[in-house]
C-alpha atoms as a PDB file:
ATOM      1  CA  MET A   1      42.520  20.860   4.644  1.00  0.00           C
ATOM      2  CA  LEU A   2      41.229  19.068   1.561  1.00  0.00           C
ATOM      3  CA  PHE A   3      40.912  15.779   3.413  1.00  0.00           C
ATOM      4  CA  SER A   4      39.034  17.397   6.283  1.00  0.00           C
ATOM      5  CA  ALA A   5      36.603  18.947   3.777  1.00  0.00           C
ATOM      6  CA  LEU A   6      36.096  15.564   2.131  1.00  0.00           C
ATOM      7  CA  GLY A   7      35.529  14.046   5.556  1.00  0.00           C
ATOM      8  CA  ILE A   8      32.815  16.605   6.348  1.00  0.00           C
ATOM      9  CA  VAL A   9      31.126  15.898   3.001  1.00  0.00           C
ATOM     10  CA  ALA A  10      31.210  12.165   3.748  1.00  0.00           C
ATOM     11  CA  LEU A  11      29.732  12.745   7.221  1.00  0.00           C
ATOM     12  CA  LEU A  12      26.881  14.820   5.770  1.00  0.00           C
ATOM     13  CA  ILE A  13      26.071  12.119   3.196  1.00  0.00           C
ATOM     14  CA  LEU A  14      26.160   9.471   5.934  1.00  0.00           C
ATOM     15  CA  ALA A  15      23.876  11.657   8.076  1.00  0.00           C
ATOM     16  CA  ASN A  16      21.401  11.764   5.207  1.00  0.00           C
ATOM     17  CA  ALA A  17      21.678   7.964   4.879  1.00  0.00           C
ATOM     18  CA  LEU A  18      21.041   7.594   8.603  1.00  0.00           C
ATOM     19  CA  TYR A  19      17.815   9.584   8.482  1.00  0.00           C
ATOM     20  CA  VAL A  20      16.573   7.785   5.357  1.00  0.00           C
ATOM     21  CA  ALA A  21      17.277   4.389   6.906  1.00  0.00           C
ATOM     22  CA  ALA A  22      15.670   5.412  10.200  1.00  0.00           C
ATOM     23  CA  GLU A  23      12.495   6.601   8.466  1.00  0.00           C
ATOM     24  CA  PHE A  24      11.975   3.489   6.351  1.00  0.00           C
ATOM     25  CA  GLY A  25      13.031   1.223   9.176  1.00  0.00           C
ATOM     26  CA  ALA A  26      10.565   2.742  11.653  1.00  0.00           C
ATOM     27  CA  VAL A  27       7.660   2.651   9.205  1.00  0.00           C
ATOM     28  CA  GLY A  28       8.444  -0.869   7.970  1.00  0.00           C
ATOM     29  CA  VAL A  29       9.351  -2.563  11.246  1.00  0.00           C
ATOM     30  CA  ARG A  30       6.999  -5.178  12.685  1.00  0.00           C
ATOM     31  CA  ARG A  31       5.599  -3.950  15.976  1.00  0.00           C
ATOM     32  CA  SER A  32       5.183  -7.497  17.256  1.00  0.00           C
ATOM     33  CA  ARG A  33       8.882  -8.125  16.607  1.00  0.00           C
ATOM     34  CA  VAL A  34       9.947  -4.964  18.452  1.00  0.00           C
ATOM     35  CA  ARG A  35       7.598  -5.787  21.329  1.00  0.00           C
ATOM     36  CA  ARG A  36       9.036  -9.306  21.585  1.00  0.00           C
ATOM     37  CA  LEU A  37      12.618  -8.005  21.611  1.00  0.00           C
ATOM     38  CA  ALA A  38      11.710  -5.426  24.250  1.00  0.00           C
ATOM     39  CA  ASP A  39      10.101  -8.119  26.399  1.00  0.00           C
ATOM     40  CA  ASP A  40      13.283 -10.182  26.019  1.00  0.00           C
ATOM     41  CA  GLY A  41      15.301  -7.339  27.506  1.00  0.00           C
ATOM     42  CA  ASN A  42      16.688  -5.580  24.423  1.00  0.00           C
ATOM     43  CA  PRO A  43      17.172  -1.970  25.632  1.00  0.00           C
ATOM     44  CA  LEU A  44      17.204  -0.436  22.147  1.00  0.00           C
ATOM     45  CA  ALA A  45      13.963  -2.219  21.232  1.00  0.00           C
ATOM     46  CA  GLY A  46      12.482  -0.884  24.459  1.00  0.00           C
ATOM     47  CA  GLN A  47      13.345   2.666  23.407  1.00  0.00           C
ATOM     48  CA  LEU A  48      11.945   2.149  19.902  1.00  0.00           C
ATOM     49  CA  LEU A  49       8.691   0.481  20.989  1.00  0.00           C
ATOM     50  CA  PRO A  50       6.805   3.649  22.076  1.00  0.00           C
ATOM     51  CA  TYR A  51       7.365   5.223  18.659  1.00  0.00           C
ATOM     52  CA  VAL A  52       6.105   2.290  16.579  1.00  0.00           C
ATOM     53  CA  GLU A  53       3.062   1.666  18.782  1.00  0.00           C
ATOM     54  CA  ASP A  54       1.802   5.258  18.849  1.00  0.00           C
ATOM     55  CA  ALA A  55       0.780   6.857  15.539  1.00  0.00           C
ATOM     56  CA  HIS A  56       1.395  10.382  16.850  1.00  0.00           C
ATOM     57  CA  LYS A  57       4.905   9.535  18.062  1.00  0.00           C
ATOM     58  CA  LEU A  58       5.639   7.727  14.815  1.00  0.00           C
ATOM     59  CA  ASP A  59       4.553  10.870  12.977  1.00  0.00           C
ATOM     60  CA  GLU A  60       7.100  12.878  15.009  1.00  0.00           C
ATOM     61  CA  TYR A  61       9.747  10.246  14.316  1.00  0.00           C
ATOM     62  CA  VAL A  62       9.185  10.534  10.573  1.00  0.00           C
ATOM     63  CA  ALA A  63       9.101  14.327  10.805  1.00  0.00           C
ATOM     64  CA  VAL A  64      12.534  14.305  12.448  1.00  0.00           C
ATOM     65  CA  SER A  65      13.823  12.076   9.655  1.00  0.00           C
ATOM     66  CA  GLN A  66      12.528  14.503   7.050  1.00  0.00           C
ATOM     67  CA  ILE A  67      14.077  17.470   8.854  1.00  0.00           C
ATOM     68  CA  GLY A  68      17.400  15.636   9.096  1.00  0.00           C
ATOM     69  CA  ILE A  69      17.335  14.691   5.407  1.00  0.00           C
ATOM     70  CA  THR A  70      16.519  18.255   4.356  1.00  0.00           C
ATOM     71  CA  LEU A  71      19.121  19.919   6.581  1.00  0.00           C
ATOM     72  CA  SER A  72      21.912  17.492   5.720  1.00  0.00           C
ATOM     73  CA  SER A  73      21.203  17.951   1.997  1.00  0.00           C
ATOM     74  CA  LEU A  74      21.140  21.758   2.213  1.00  0.00           C
ATOM     75  CA  ILE A  75      24.260  21.955   4.354  1.00  0.00           C
ATOM     76  CA  LEU A  76      26.049  19.491   2.075  1.00  0.00           C
ATOM     77  CA  GLY A  77      25.363  21.583  -1.022  1.00  0.00           C
ATOM     78  CA  ALA A  78      26.308  24.883   0.597  1.00  0.00           C
ATOM     79  CA  TYR A  79      29.444  23.517   2.260  1.00  0.00           C
ATOM     80  CA  ALA A  80      30.704  21.696  -0.838  1.00  0.00           C
ATOM     81  CA  GLN A  81      30.332  24.802  -2.981  1.00  0.00           C
ATOM     82  CA  ALA A  82      32.177  26.908  -0.405  1.00  0.00           C
ATOM     83  CA  ALA A  83      34.899  24.319   0.244  1.00  0.00           C
ATOM     84  CA  PHE A  84      35.618  23.205  -3.307  1.00  0.00           C
ATOM     85  CA  GLY A  85      34.121  25.750  -5.691  1.00  0.00           C
ATOM     86  CA  PHE A  86      36.611  28.559  -5.239  1.00  0.00           C
ATOM     87  CA  ARG A  87      39.532  26.118  -5.098  1.00  0.00           C
ATOM     88  CA  LEU A  88      38.675  24.323  -8.311  1.00  0.00           C
ATOM     89  CA  ALA A  89      37.512  27.374 -10.294  1.00  0.00           C
ATOM     90  CA  PRO A  90      41.097  28.667 -10.971  1.00  0.00           C
ATOM     91  CA  LEU A  91      42.118  25.199 -12.168  1.00  0.00           C
ATOM     92  CA  ALA A  92      39.176  25.078 -14.587  1.00  0.00           C
ATOM     93  CA  GLU A  93      39.966  28.642 -15.684  1.00  0.00           C
ATOM     94  CA  ARG A  94      43.555  27.757 -16.616  1.00  0.00           C
ATOM     95  CA  ALA A  95      42.786  24.297 -18.036  1.00  0.00           C
ATOM     96  CA  PHE A  96      39.935  25.329 -20.323  1.00  0.00           C
ATOM     97  CA  GLY A  97      40.621  29.021 -20.858  1.00  0.00           C
ATOM     98  CA  LEU A  98      37.351  30.098 -19.220  1.00  0.00           C
ATOM     99  CA  SER A  99      36.521  33.441 -17.678  1.00  0.00           C
ATOM    100  CA  PRO A 100      36.428  33.497 -13.855  1.00  0.00           C
ATOM    101  CA  GLU A 101      32.618  33.618 -13.828  1.00  0.00           C
ATOM    102  CA  ALA A 102      32.263  30.790 -16.365  1.00  0.00           C
ATOM    103  CA  ALA A 103      34.837  28.665 -14.547  1.00  0.00           C
ATOM    104  CA  LEU A 104      33.032  29.132 -11.235  1.00  0.00           C
ATOM    105  CA  SER A 105      29.677  28.220 -12.828  1.00  0.00           C
ATOM    106  CA  ALA A 106      31.145  25.131 -14.524  1.00  0.00           C
ATOM    107  CA  VAL A 107      32.755  23.938 -11.297  1.00  0.00           C
ATOM    108  CA  ALA A 108      29.535  24.549  -9.377  1.00  0.00           C
ATOM    109  CA  THR A 109      27.615  22.460 -11.924  1.00  0.00           C
ATOM    110  CA  VAL A 110      30.120  19.594 -11.725  1.00  0.00           C
ATOM    111  CA  ILE A 111      30.045  19.657  -7.918  1.00  0.00           C
ATOM    112  CA  LEU A 112      26.241  19.621  -7.975  1.00  0.00           C
ATOM    113  CA  ILE A 113      26.136  16.618 -10.327  1.00  0.00           C
ATOM    114  CA  VAL A 114      28.718  14.653  -8.323  1.00  0.00           C
ATOM    115  CA  LEU A 115      27.045  15.410  -4.994  1.00  0.00           C
ATOM    116  CA  THR A 116      23.604  14.538  -6.361  1.00  0.00           C
ATOM    117  CA  ALA A 117      24.868  11.187  -7.617  1.00  0.00           C
ATOM    118  CA  LEU A 118      26.578  10.384  -4.304  1.00  0.00           C
ATOM    119  CA  GLN A 119      23.561  11.551  -2.343  1.00  0.00           C
ATOM    120  CA  MET A 120      21.148   9.470  -4.411  1.00  0.00           C
ATOM    121  CA  VAL A 121      23.207   6.273  -4.250  1.00  0.00           C
ATOM    122  CA  ILE A 122      24.830   6.383  -0.810  1.00  0.00           C
ATOM    123  CA  GLY A 123      22.426   8.701   0.965  1.00  0.00           C
ATOM    124  CA  GLU A 124      19.112   7.457  -0.462  1.00  0.00           C
ATOM    125  CA  LEU A 125      19.016   4.215  -2.443  1.00  0.00           C
ATOM    126  CA  VAL A 126      21.394   2.097  -0.360  1.00  0.00           C
ATOM    127  CA  PRO A 127      19.906   2.938   3.073  1.00  0.00           C
ATOM    128  CA  LYS A 128      16.364   2.634   1.738  1.00  0.00           C
ATOM    129  CA  SER A 129      17.097  -0.807   0.304  1.00  0.00           C
ATOM    130  CA  LEU A 130      18.745  -1.956   3.533  1.00  0.00           C
ATOM    131  CA  ALA A 131      15.848  -0.631   5.633  1.00  0.00           C
ATOM    132  CA  LEU A 132      13.296  -2.428   3.460  1.00  0.00           C
ATOM    133  CA  GLN A 133      15.222  -5.697   3.675  1.00  0.00           C
ATOM    134  CA  PHE A 134      16.121  -5.486   7.372  1.00  0.00           C
ATOM    135  CA  PRO A 135      13.613  -3.093   8.959  1.00  0.00           C
ATOM    136  CA  ASP A 136      13.932  -4.564  12.455  1.00  0.00           C
ATOM    137  CA  ARG A 137      17.715  -4.276  12.585  1.00  0.00           C
ATOM    138  CA  ILE A 138      17.865  -0.849  10.956  1.00  0.00           C
ATOM    139  CA  ALA A 139      15.128   0.655  13.138  1.00  0.00           C
ATOM    140  CA  ILE A 140      16.776  -0.599  16.319  1.00  0.00           C
ATOM    141  CA  ALA A 141      20.279   0.413  15.206  1.00  0.00           C
ATOM    142  CA  THR A 142      19.219   4.004  14.470  1.00  0.00           C
ATOM    143  CA  VAL A 143      17.002   4.629  17.499  1.00  0.00           C
ATOM    144  CA  LEU A 144      19.674   6.361  19.650  1.00  0.00           C
ATOM    145  CA  PRO A 145      20.659   9.054  17.114  1.00  0.00           C
ATOM    146  CA  MET A 146      16.974   9.479  16.289  1.00  0.00           C
ATOM    147  CA  ARG A 147      16.083  10.057  19.942  1.00  0.00           C
ATOM    148  CA  ALA A 148      18.844  12.662  20.129  1.00  0.00           C
ATOM    149  CA  SER A 149      17.490  14.284  16.967  1.00  0.00           C
ATOM    150  CA  LEU A 150      13.998  14.277  18.449  1.00  0.00           C
ATOM    151  CA  TRP A 151      15.303  16.327  21.362  1.00  0.00           C
ATOM    152  CA  ILE A 152      17.306  18.709  19.147  1.00  0.00           C
ATOM    153  CA  PHE A 153      14.612  19.267  16.500  1.00  0.00           C
ATOM    154  CA  ARG A 154      11.585  19.293  18.804  1.00  0.00           C
ATOM    155  CA  PRO A 155      10.797  23.025  18.237  1.00  0.00           C
ATOM    156  CA  LEU A 156      10.980  22.486  14.470  1.00  0.00           C
ATOM    157  CA  ILE A 157       8.770  19.389  14.718  1.00  0.00           C
ATOM    158  CA  PHE A 158       6.071  21.364  16.518  1.00  0.00           C
ATOM    159  CA  LEU A 159       6.250  24.195  13.981  1.00  0.00           C
ATOM    160  CA  LEU A 160       6.325  22.021  10.838  1.00  0.00           C
ATOM    161  CA  ASN A 161       3.752  19.450  11.951  1.00  0.00           C
ATOM    162  CA  GLY A 162       1.444  22.214  13.116  1.00  0.00           C
ATOM    163  CA  SER A 163       1.814  24.041   9.806  1.00  0.00           C
ATOM    164  CA  GLY A 164       1.220  20.848   7.844  1.00  0.00           C
ATOM    165  CA  THR A 165      -1.902  20.023   9.849  1.00  0.00           C
ATOM    166  CA  LEU A 166      -3.224  23.567   9.330  1.00  0.00           C
ATOM    167  CA  VAL A 167      -2.718  23.359   5.566  1.00  0.00           C
ATOM    168  CA  LEU A 168      -4.485  19.981   5.440  1.00  0.00           C
ATOM    169  CA  ARG A 169      -7.427  21.399   7.387  1.00  0.00           C
ATOM    170  CA  LEU A 170      -7.661  24.345   5.010  1.00  0.00           C
ATOM    171  CA  LEU A 171      -7.788  21.839   2.141  1.00  0.00           C
ATOM    172  CA  GLY A 172     -10.479  19.825   3.928  1.00  0.00           C
ATOM    173  CA  VAL A 173      -8.199  16.807   4.454  1.00  0.00           C
ATOM    174  CA  ARG A 174      -8.005  15.048   7.782  1.00  0.00           C
ATOM    175  CA  SER A 175      -4.498  14.205   8.985  1.00  0.00           C
ATOM    176  CA  SER A 176      -4.319  10.543  10.051  1.00  0.00           C
ATOM    177  CA  GLY A 177      -0.591  10.280  10.848  1.00  0.00           C
ATOM    178  CA  HIS A 178       1.830   7.694   9.605  1.00  0.00           C
ATOM    179  CA  ARG A 179       0.972   4.022   9.701  1.00  0.00           C
ATOM    180  CA  HIS A 180       2.908   0.886   8.920  1.00  0.00           C
ATOM    181  CA  VAL A 181       1.944   0.547   5.276  1.00  0.00           C
ATOM    182  CA  HIS A 182       3.828  -1.209   2.496  1.00  0.00           C
ATOM    183  CA  SER A 183       3.192  -0.970  -1.207  1.00  0.00           C
ATOM    184  CA  PRO A 184       2.270  -4.253  -2.946  1.00  0.00           C
ATOM    185  CA  GLN A 185       5.688  -4.227  -4.625  1.00  0.00           C
ATOM    186  CA  GLU A 186       7.482  -3.922  -1.285  1.00  0.00           C
ATOM    187  CA  ILE A 187       5.405  -6.729   0.204  1.00  0.00           C
ATOM    188  CA  GLU A 188       6.200  -8.900  -2.818  1.00  0.00           C
ATOM    189  CA  MET A 189       9.888  -8.205  -2.208  1.00  0.00           C
ATOM    190  CA  LEU A 190       9.626  -9.025   1.500  1.00  0.00           C
ATOM    191  CA  ILE A 191       7.842 -12.299   0.731  1.00  0.00           C
ATOM    192  CA  ALA A 192      10.493 -13.284  -1.805  1.00  0.00           C
ATOM    193  CA  GLU A 193      13.304 -12.423   0.598  1.00  0.00           C
ATOM    194  CA  SER A 194      11.646 -14.403   3.387  1.00  0.00           C
ATOM    195  CA  ARG A 195      11.416 -17.384   1.068  1.00  0.00           C
ATOM    196  CA  ASP A 196      15.076 -17.030   0.026  1.00  0.00           C
ATOM    197  CA  GLY A 197      16.109 -16.717   3.666  1.00  0.00           C
ATOM    198  CA  GLY A 198      14.332 -19.933   4.587  1.00  0.00           C
ATOM    199  CA  LEU A 199      11.624 -18.242   6.673  1.00  0.00           C
ATOM    200  CA  LEU A 200       8.800 -19.367   4.367  1.00  0.00           C
ATOM    201  CA  GLU A 201       8.025 -22.682   2.761  1.00  0.00           C
ATOM    202  CA  PRO A 202       7.114 -22.653  -0.953  1.00  0.00           C
ATOM    203  CA  ASP A 203       3.442 -23.349  -0.203  1.00  0.00           C
ATOM    204  CA  GLU A 204       3.347 -20.522   2.329  1.00  0.00           C
ATOM    205  CA  GLN A 205       4.901 -18.156  -0.192  1.00  0.00           C
ATOM    206  CA  ARG A 206       2.280 -19.058  -2.793  1.00  0.00           C
ATOM    207  CA  ARG A 207      -0.560 -18.498  -0.316  1.00  0.00           C
ATOM    208  CA  LEU A 208       0.815 -15.082   0.627  1.00  0.00           C
ATOM    209  CA  HIS A 209       1.142 -14.118  -3.036  1.00  0.00           C
ATOM    210  CA  ARG A 210      -2.480 -15.129  -3.608  1.00  0.00           C
ATOM    211  CA  ALA A 211      -3.661 -13.082  -0.632  1.00  0.00           C
ATOM    212  CA  LEU A 212      -1.679 -10.092  -1.873  1.00  0.00           C
ATOM    213  CA  ARG A 213      -3.284 -10.344  -5.292  1.00  0.00           C
ATOM    214  CA  LEU A 214      -6.739  -9.922  -3.768  1.00  0.00           C
ATOM    215  CA  ASN A 215      -6.352  -6.151  -3.447  1.00  0.00           C
ATOM    216  CA  GLN A 216      -5.042  -5.912  -7.010  1.00  0.00           C
ATOM    217  CA  LYS A 217      -8.095  -7.507  -8.651  1.00  0.00           C
ATOM    218  CA  LYS A 218     -11.355  -5.672  -9.185  1.00  0.00           C
ATOM    219  CA  ALA A 219     -14.939  -6.870  -9.178  1.00  0.00           C
ATOM    220  CA  ARG A 220     -15.141  -6.400 -12.958  1.00  0.00           C
ATOM    221  CA  GLU A 221     -12.297  -8.941 -13.343  1.00  0.00           C
ATOM    222  CA  LEU A 222     -13.952 -11.568 -11.138  1.00  0.00           C
ATOM    223  CA  MET A 223     -17.602 -11.268 -12.183  1.00  0.00           C
ATOM    224  CA  VAL A 224     -19.565 -13.391 -14.608  1.00  0.00           C
ATOM    225  CA  PRO A 225     -20.590 -10.975 -17.418  1.00  0.00           C
ATOM    226  CA  ALA A 226     -24.269 -10.086 -17.658  1.00  0.00           C
ATOM    227  CA  ASP A 227     -24.712 -11.696 -21.067  1.00  0.00           C
ATOM    228  CA  ARG A 228     -23.703 -15.065 -19.592  1.00  0.00           C
ATOM    229  CA  LEU A 229     -26.000 -14.903 -16.576  1.00  0.00           C
ATOM    230  CA  SER A 230     -29.000 -17.158 -16.112  1.00  0.00           C
ATOM    231  CA  MET A 231     -31.808 -14.840 -14.991  1.00  0.00           C
ATOM    232  CA  ILE A 232     -35.498 -15.173 -14.347  1.00  0.00           C
ATOM    233  CA  ASP A 233     -38.154 -12.659 -15.317  1.00  0.00           C
ATOM    234  CA  ALA A 234     -40.362 -11.866 -12.312  1.00  0.00           C
ATOM    235  CA  ALA A 235     -43.398 -12.168 -14.592  1.00  0.00           C
ATOM    236  CA  THR A 236     -42.610 -15.803 -15.515  1.00  0.00           C
ATOM    237  CA  PRO A 237     -45.377 -18.202 -14.392  1.00  0.00           C
ATOM    238  CA  PHE A 238     -44.547 -20.127 -11.225  1.00  0.00           C
ATOM    239  CA  ALA A 239     -44.652 -23.563 -12.863  1.00  0.00           C
ATOM    240  CA  GLU A 240     -42.227 -22.468 -15.576  1.00  0.00           C
ATOM    241  CA  VAL A 241     -39.884 -21.012 -12.953  1.00  0.00           C
ATOM    242  CA  VAL A 242     -39.875 -24.379 -11.163  1.00  0.00           C
ATOM    243  CA  GLU A 243     -38.927 -26.128 -14.394  1.00  0.00           C
ATOM    244  CA  ARG A 244     -36.125 -23.670 -15.153  1.00  0.00           C
ATOM    245  CA  VAL A 245     -34.656 -23.745 -11.644  1.00  0.00           C
ATOM    246  CA  THR A 246     -34.839 -27.542 -11.566  1.00  0.00           C
ATOM    247  CA  ALA A 247     -32.900 -27.741 -14.821  1.00  0.00           C
ATOM    248  CA  SER A 248     -30.379 -25.102 -13.737  1.00  0.00           C
ATOM    249  CA  PRO A 249     -27.081 -26.055 -12.053  1.00  0.00           C
ATOM    250  CA  PHE A 250     -27.288 -22.900  -9.899  1.00  0.00           C
ATOM    251  CA  SER A 251     -28.930 -22.651  -6.489  1.00  0.00           C
ATOM    252  CA  ARG A 252     -29.412 -18.873  -6.696  1.00  0.00           C
ATOM    253  CA  LEU A 253     -30.680 -17.008  -9.755  1.00  0.00           C
ATOM    254  CA  PRO A 254     -31.038 -13.220 -10.229  1.00  0.00           C
ATOM    255  CA  VAL A 255     -34.583 -12.013 -10.831  1.00  0.00           C
ATOM    256  CA  PHE A 256     -35.284  -9.037 -13.106  1.00  0.00           C
ATOM    257  CA  ARG A 257     -38.423  -7.101 -13.897  1.00  0.00           C
ATOM    258  CA  GLY A 258     -38.963  -5.641 -17.349  1.00  0.00           C
ATOM    259  CA  THR A 259     -35.347  -5.420 -18.505  1.00  0.00           C
ATOM    260  CA  ARG A 260     -32.249  -7.351 -17.485  1.00  0.00           C
ATOM    261  CA  ASP A 261     -30.735  -4.145 -16.111  1.00  0.00           C
ATOM    262  CA  ASN A 262     -33.570  -3.916 -13.572  1.00  0.00           C
ATOM    263  CA  ILE A 263     -32.598  -6.732 -11.212  1.00  0.00           C
ATOM    264  CA  VAL A 264     -34.914  -6.764  -8.216  1.00  0.00           C
ATOM    265  CA  GLY A 265     -33.402  -9.594  -6.205  1.00  0.00           C
ATOM    266  CA  THR A 266     -32.392 -13.230  -6.206  1.00  0.00           C
ATOM    267  CA  LEU A 267     -34.340 -16.471  -6.055  1.00  0.00           C
ATOM    268  CA  HIS A 268     -33.052 -19.342  -3.930  1.00  0.00           C
ATOM    269  CA  ALA A 269     -33.830 -22.846  -5.135  1.00  0.00           C
ATOM    270  CA  LYS A 270     -34.452 -23.868  -1.530  1.00  0.00           C
ATOM    271  CA  ASP A 271     -37.159 -21.223  -1.091  1.00  0.00           C
ATOM    272  CA  LEU A 272     -38.766 -22.284  -4.366  1.00  0.00           C
ATOM    273  CA  ALA A 273     -38.836 -25.948  -3.300  1.00  0.00           C
ATOM    274  CA  ILE A 274     -40.440 -25.127   0.042  1.00  0.00           C
ATOM    275  CA  ALA A 275     -43.093 -22.973  -1.669  1.00  0.00           C
ATOM    276  CA  SER A 276     -43.817 -25.757  -4.182  1.00  0.00           C
ATOM    277  CA  PHE A 277     -44.552 -28.246  -1.399  1.00  0.00           C
ATOM    278  CA  ALA A 278     -46.802 -25.703   0.324  1.00  0.00           C
ATOM    279  CA  GLY A 279     -49.196 -25.645  -2.617  1.00  0.00           C
ATOM    280  CA  PRO A 280     -49.871 -23.887  -5.924  1.00  0.00           C
ATOM    281  CA  GLN A 281     -48.348 -20.396  -6.225  1.00  0.00           C
ATOM    282  CA  ARG A 282     -49.259 -17.614  -8.640  1.00  0.00           C
ATOM    283  CA  SER A 283     -45.876 -15.792  -8.743  1.00  0.00           C
ATOM    284  CA  ILE A 284     -42.424 -15.751  -7.239  1.00  0.00           C
ATOM    285  CA  ASP A 285     -42.669 -12.192  -5.888  1.00  0.00           C
ATOM    286  CA  ALA A 286     -42.871 -13.322  -2.264  1.00  0.00           C
ATOM    287  CA  LEU A 287     -39.811 -15.549  -2.691  1.00  0.00           C
ATOM    288  CA  VAL A 288     -37.440 -12.956  -4.130  1.00  0.00           C
ATOM    289  CA  ARG A 289     -34.737 -11.936  -1.688  1.00  0.00           C
ATOM    290  CA  PRO A 290     -32.854  -8.602  -1.888  1.00  0.00           C
ATOM    291  CA  ILE A 291     -29.514  -8.723  -3.658  1.00  0.00           C
ATOM    292  CA  ALA A 292     -26.457  -6.628  -2.880  1.00  0.00           C
ATOM    293  CA  THR A 293     -24.919  -4.264  -5.413  1.00  0.00           C
ATOM    294  CA  VAL A 294     -21.251  -3.322  -5.778  1.00  0.00           C
ATOM    295  CA  GLY A 295     -19.259  -1.097  -8.099  1.00  0.00           C
ATOM    296  CA  PRO A 296     -17.012  -2.523 -10.814  1.00  0.00           C
ATOM    297  CA  ASP A 297     -13.833  -1.074  -9.257  1.00  0.00           C
ATOM    298  CA  MET A 298     -14.262  -2.550  -5.779  1.00  0.00           C
ATOM    299  CA  SER A 299     -11.108  -4.514  -4.940  1.00  0.00           C
ATOM    300  CA  ALA A 300     -11.377  -8.230  -4.225  1.00  0.00           C
ATOM    301  CA  ASP A 301     -10.307  -7.911  -0.590  1.00  0.00           C
ATOM    302  CA  ARG A 302     -12.981  -5.261   0.063  1.00  0.00           C
ATOM    303  CA  LEU A 303     -15.482  -7.339  -1.878  1.00  0.00           C
ATOM    304  CA  LEU A 304     -14.746 -10.343   0.315  1.00  0.00           C
ATOM    305  CA  ALA A 305     -15.274  -8.256   3.453  1.00  0.00           C
ATOM    306  CA  PHE A 306     -18.475  -6.793   1.947  1.00  0.00           C
ATOM    307  CA  LEU A 307     -20.003 -10.207   1.217  1.00  0.00           C
ATOM    308  CA  ARG A 308     -18.989 -11.657   4.572  1.00  0.00           C
ATOM    309  CA  GLY A 309     -20.228  -8.600   6.466  1.00  0.00           C
ATOM    310  CA  ARG A 310     -23.675  -8.845   4.886  1.00  0.00           C
ATOM    311  CA  ARG A 311     -23.731 -12.648   5.030  1.00  0.00           C
ATOM    312  CA  VAL A 312     -24.521 -12.950   1.325  1.00  0.00           C
ATOM    313  CA  HIS A 313     -22.992 -15.147  -1.342  1.00  0.00           C
ATOM    314  CA  GLN A 314     -23.328 -12.928  -4.388  1.00  0.00           C
ATOM    315  CA  ALA A 315     -23.709  -9.344  -5.548  1.00  0.00           C
ATOM    316  CA  ILE A 316     -24.666  -7.565  -8.731  1.00  0.00           C
ATOM    317  CA  VAL A 317     -21.877  -5.523 -10.315  1.00  0.00           C
ATOM    318  CA  ARG A 318     -23.502  -2.330 -11.528  1.00  0.00           C
ATOM    319  CA  ASP A 319     -22.142   0.733 -13.272  1.00  0.00           C
ATOM    320  CA  ASN A 320     -24.736   3.488 -12.872  1.00  0.00           C
ATOM    321  CA  ASP A 321     -27.949   2.006 -14.334  1.00  0.00           C
ATOM    322  CA  ARG A 322     -26.283  -0.801 -16.265  1.00  0.00           C
ATOM    323  CA  VAL A 323     -25.762  -4.311 -14.912  1.00  0.00           C
ATOM    324  CA  LEU A 324     -22.284  -5.497 -15.812  1.00  0.00           C
ATOM    325  CA  GLY A 325     -22.400  -8.921 -14.222  1.00  0.00           C
ATOM    326  CA  LEU A 326     -22.643 -11.008 -11.080  1.00  0.00           C
ATOM    327  CA  VAL A 327     -19.820 -11.751  -8.648  1.00  0.00           C
ATOM    328  CA  THR A 328     -20.032 -14.523  -6.070  1.00  0.00           C
ATOM    329  CA  LEU A 329     -18.135 -15.482  -2.962  1.00  0.00           C
ATOM    330  CA  GLN A 330     -16.832 -18.485  -4.888  1.00  0.00           C
ATOM    331  CA  ASP A 331     -15.389 -16.140  -7.537  1.00  0.00           C
ATOM    332  CA  VAL A 332     -13.426 -14.210  -4.907  1.00  0.00           C
ATOM    333  CA  LEU A 333     -12.211 -17.318  -3.123  1.00  0.00           C
ATOM    334  CA  GLY A 334     -11.253 -18.777  -6.483  1.00  0.00           C
ATOM    335  CA  ALA A 335      -8.978 -15.778  -7.090  1.00  0.00           C
ATOM    336  CA  PHE A 336      -7.314 -16.467  -3.759  1.00  0.00           C
ATOM    337  CA  LEU A 337      -6.951 -20.215  -4.271  1.00  0.00           C
ATOM    338  CA  SER A 338      -5.798 -20.156  -7.885  1.00  0.00           C
ATOM    339  CA  ASP A 339      -2.101 -20.759  -8.446  1.00  0.00           C
ATOM    340  CA  PRO A 340      -0.247 -17.516  -9.337  1.00  0.00           C
ATOM    341  CA  ARG A 341       1.651 -19.424 -12.019  1.00  0.00           C
ATOM    342  CA  GLU A 342      -1.610 -20.004 -13.850  1.00  0.00           C
ATOM    343  CA  GLY A 343      -1.857 -16.246 -14.322  1.00  0.00           C
ATOM    344  CA  GLY A 344      -5.596 -15.677 -14.064  1.00  0.00           C
ATOM    345  CA  ALA A 345      -8.551 -15.157 -11.825  1.00  0.00           C
ATOM    346  CA  ALA A 346     -11.311 -17.601 -11.328  1.00  0.00           C
END
């Protein structure tokens, strides 16, 4: 009887591990890999493919995992207390001289601590680690029990997902479903494991690390501070502007009017040269081009997309009415190309 009870406890912990592994495996698996395996005739990959390609189905898949984790944990706690609590309470009562109520409470506490430790290690940490390291294998290996669970828990899925969506709507939040998203730390781990497994060359690993660091750096970290910028006052006489631009190593200079926090645009050396050949000019107003503005907390990857999307090479970093600095496309690319071992941005 005792061994059968222990066997049921073990099965419940393994059930919890199954659902944890299935959830992390499905979210972390590469869709291209599953699609390739399905095209090669792998029947399990063919059954998994619809769930990783459709956000709504993936949301149901994760919901089933959560239901399975919750139910297995609740049943485990209730069953263990019923199976072992009343058996061990008399032993604790005689061994420590406790009252029946105190003995039962002490045994219940010990059972809870032991089960929590087993559940955390065997039912949570181990399957999560395996799923993060081998998402393809884990997702494919767990697809059959997950499909069975989808059929069994379908009424609960409809009720819980519908309730969750309703609560989000009441809070003014739009539900977007689950997507294949990794944290930067998980991606770092996957890159390192790919390198250790021989899937990546050292140079490829370094390039991936640099690309990953782009979303961790902000515009304020990449910019040239305002006090180090070479600027031109819009009221400066044209001839003096020509002299300053000619002596400057930069091809584009910010132009301000009145104060350095009031930047009105940028002056291209090429435009100035063309205007000089056209004849005497009174001011540079007609030559000033608009300049983009970004916030100091914009990440480097978004900044790169921003500059490329607007086909500009630089942007002013502004915090409210104060100019903090200037960030250029070269600054962002420098952060990508710099060696991680050097430990700094461009």
